[in-house]
Amino acid sequence: ADETFYESRVIDLGNITVELFEAPSPHTPDTTLVYIPSDKVIFLGDSTLGEFPSWKKDKDKVKGLIRVIEDMKIDTCVLGHWYPASKEEVLQELKGAL
């Protein structure tokens, strides 16, 4: 990688700011989420999925991801292999895994 970061990084793209940050995830041990505060959009990628290949979800990691999402000003969540969803839809799905 040409550049790396730890915990978080803010990128100013001119007319928009993008925030990259590490978050807990039941899918992988090193998840980076992408947040666009001005649009209230977060790119969650596969972070809501279980661990491959069993697809089991570690409950503590699910709870951590729920806390992150609940604390943010988000309207839309962009998932890795699915349609964009509302914050409420994503939280409902994650809470269902508990």
Protein backbone atom coordinates (compact mmCIF):
# COMPACT_ATOMS: atom_id res chain seq x y z
CA ALA A 1 0.00 0.00 0.00
CA ASP A 2 1.20 3.51 -0.77
CA GLU A 3 -0.46 4.85 2.37
CA THR A 4 -1.67 3.31 5.59
CA PHE A 5 -3.52 4.62 8.62
CA TYR A 6 -4.39 3.49 12.11
CA GLU A 7 -7.79 4.01 13.71
CA SER A 8 -9.03 6.81 11.42
CA ARG A 9 -8.27 9.19 8.60
CA VAL A 10 -10.10 12.14 7.06
CA ILE A 11 -9.74 12.84 3.36
CA ASP A 12 -10.75 16.22 1.92
CA LEU A 13 -11.82 15.70 -1.68
CA GLY A 14 -12.54 19.38 -2.28
CA ASN A 15 -16.29 19.71 -2.00
CA ILE A 16 -16.72 16.68 0.23
CA THR A 17 -15.01 15.11 3.22
CA VAL A 18 -14.69 11.34 3.61
CA GLU A 19 -13.89 9.68 6.92
CA LEU A 20 -12.20 6.28 7.04
CA PHE A 21 -12.13 4.46 10.35
CA GLU A 22 -11.59 1.05 11.88
CA ALA A 23 -14.63 -0.62 13.42
CA PRO A 24 -15.50 -3.95 15.01
CA SER A 25 -16.97 -6.47 12.60
CA PRO A 26 -18.11 -10.09 12.77
CA HIS A 27 -16.79 -10.59 9.22
CA THR A 28 -13.07 -9.80 9.46
CA PRO A 29 -10.61 -8.71 12.14
CA ASP A 30 -9.60 -5.53 10.26
CA THR A 31 -12.64 -3.68 8.98
CA THR A 32 -12.50 -0.15 7.60
CA LEU A 33 -15.75 1.77 7.17
CA VAL A 34 -16.17 4.78 4.89
CA TYR A 35 -18.41 7.62 6.07
CA ILE A 36 -19.58 10.69 4.17
CA PRO A 37 -20.96 12.98 6.88
CA SER A 38 -22.47 15.59 4.53
CA ASP A 39 -24.61 12.91 2.84
CA LYS A 40 -25.23 10.83 5.99
CA VAL A 41 -24.00 7.75 4.08
CA ILE A 42 -21.79 4.97 5.37
CA PHE A 43 -20.21 2.23 3.29
CA LEU A 44 -20.32 -0.92 5.43
CA GLY A 45 -19.13 -3.34 2.76
CA ASP A 46 -19.22 -6.89 4.14
CA SER A 47 -18.80 -5.80 7.77
CA THR A 48 -22.28 -7.02 8.74
CA LEU A 49 -21.68 -10.57 7.51
CA GLY A 50 -20.41 -13.51 9.52
CA GLU A 51 -16.94 -14.98 9.37
CA PHE A 52 -16.13 -16.99 6.24
CA PRO A 53 -16.68 -19.91 5.64
CA SER A 54 -19.01 -20.71 8.56
CA TRP A 55 -20.81 -17.33 8.43
CA LYS A 56 -21.10 -17.40 12.22
CA LYS A 57 -21.22 -13.99 13.88
CA ASP A 58 -19.27 -13.24 17.05
CA LYS A 59 -21.87 -11.57 19.30
CA ASP A 60 -19.38 -9.16 20.91
CA LYS A 61 -18.26 -7.93 17.48
CA VAL A 62 -21.89 -7.57 16.38
CA LYS A 63 -22.62 -5.51 19.50
CA GLY A 64 -19.60 -3.32 18.78
CA LEU A 65 -20.71 -2.69 15.21
CA ILE A 66 -24.24 -1.90 16.42
CA ARG A 67 -22.85 0.71 18.83
CA VAL A 68 -20.83 2.34 16.04
CA ILE A 69 -23.84 2.55 13.71
CA GLU A 70 -26.22 3.74 16.44
CA ASP A 71 -23.88 6.59 17.43
CA MET A 72 -23.54 7.98 13.90
CA LYS A 73 -25.73 10.39 11.95
CA ILE A 74 -26.57 8.03 9.09
CA ASP A 75 -29.54 7.77 6.75
CA THR A 76 -28.16 5.27 4.22
CA CYS A 77 -25.93 2.22 4.63
CA VAL A 78 -24.25 0.78 1.54
CA LEU A 79 -23.68 -2.93 1.95
CA GLY A 80 -21.18 -5.04 0.04
CA HIS A 81 -23.43 -7.48 -1.82
CA TRP A 82 -26.86 -6.00 -1.35
CA TYR A 83 -28.92 -2.91 -1.96
CA PRO A 84 -28.42 0.30 0.05
CA ALA A 85 -30.44 0.09 3.26
CA SER A 86 -31.63 2.45 5.94
CA LYS A 87 -29.85 2.68 9.27
CA GLU A 88 -32.91 1.11 10.91
CA GLU A 89 -32.91 -1.88 8.52
CA VAL A 90 -29.24 -2.62 9.16
CA LEU A 91 -29.61 -2.30 12.93
CA GLN A 92 -32.65 -4.58 12.88
CA GLU A 93 -30.70 -7.23 10.96
CA LEU A 94 -27.69 -7.00 13.28
CA LYS A 95 -29.82 -7.12 16.42
CA GLY A 96 -31.56 -10.19 15.00
CA ALA A 97 -28.20 -11.96 14.98
CA LEU A 98 -27.96 -11.60 18.75
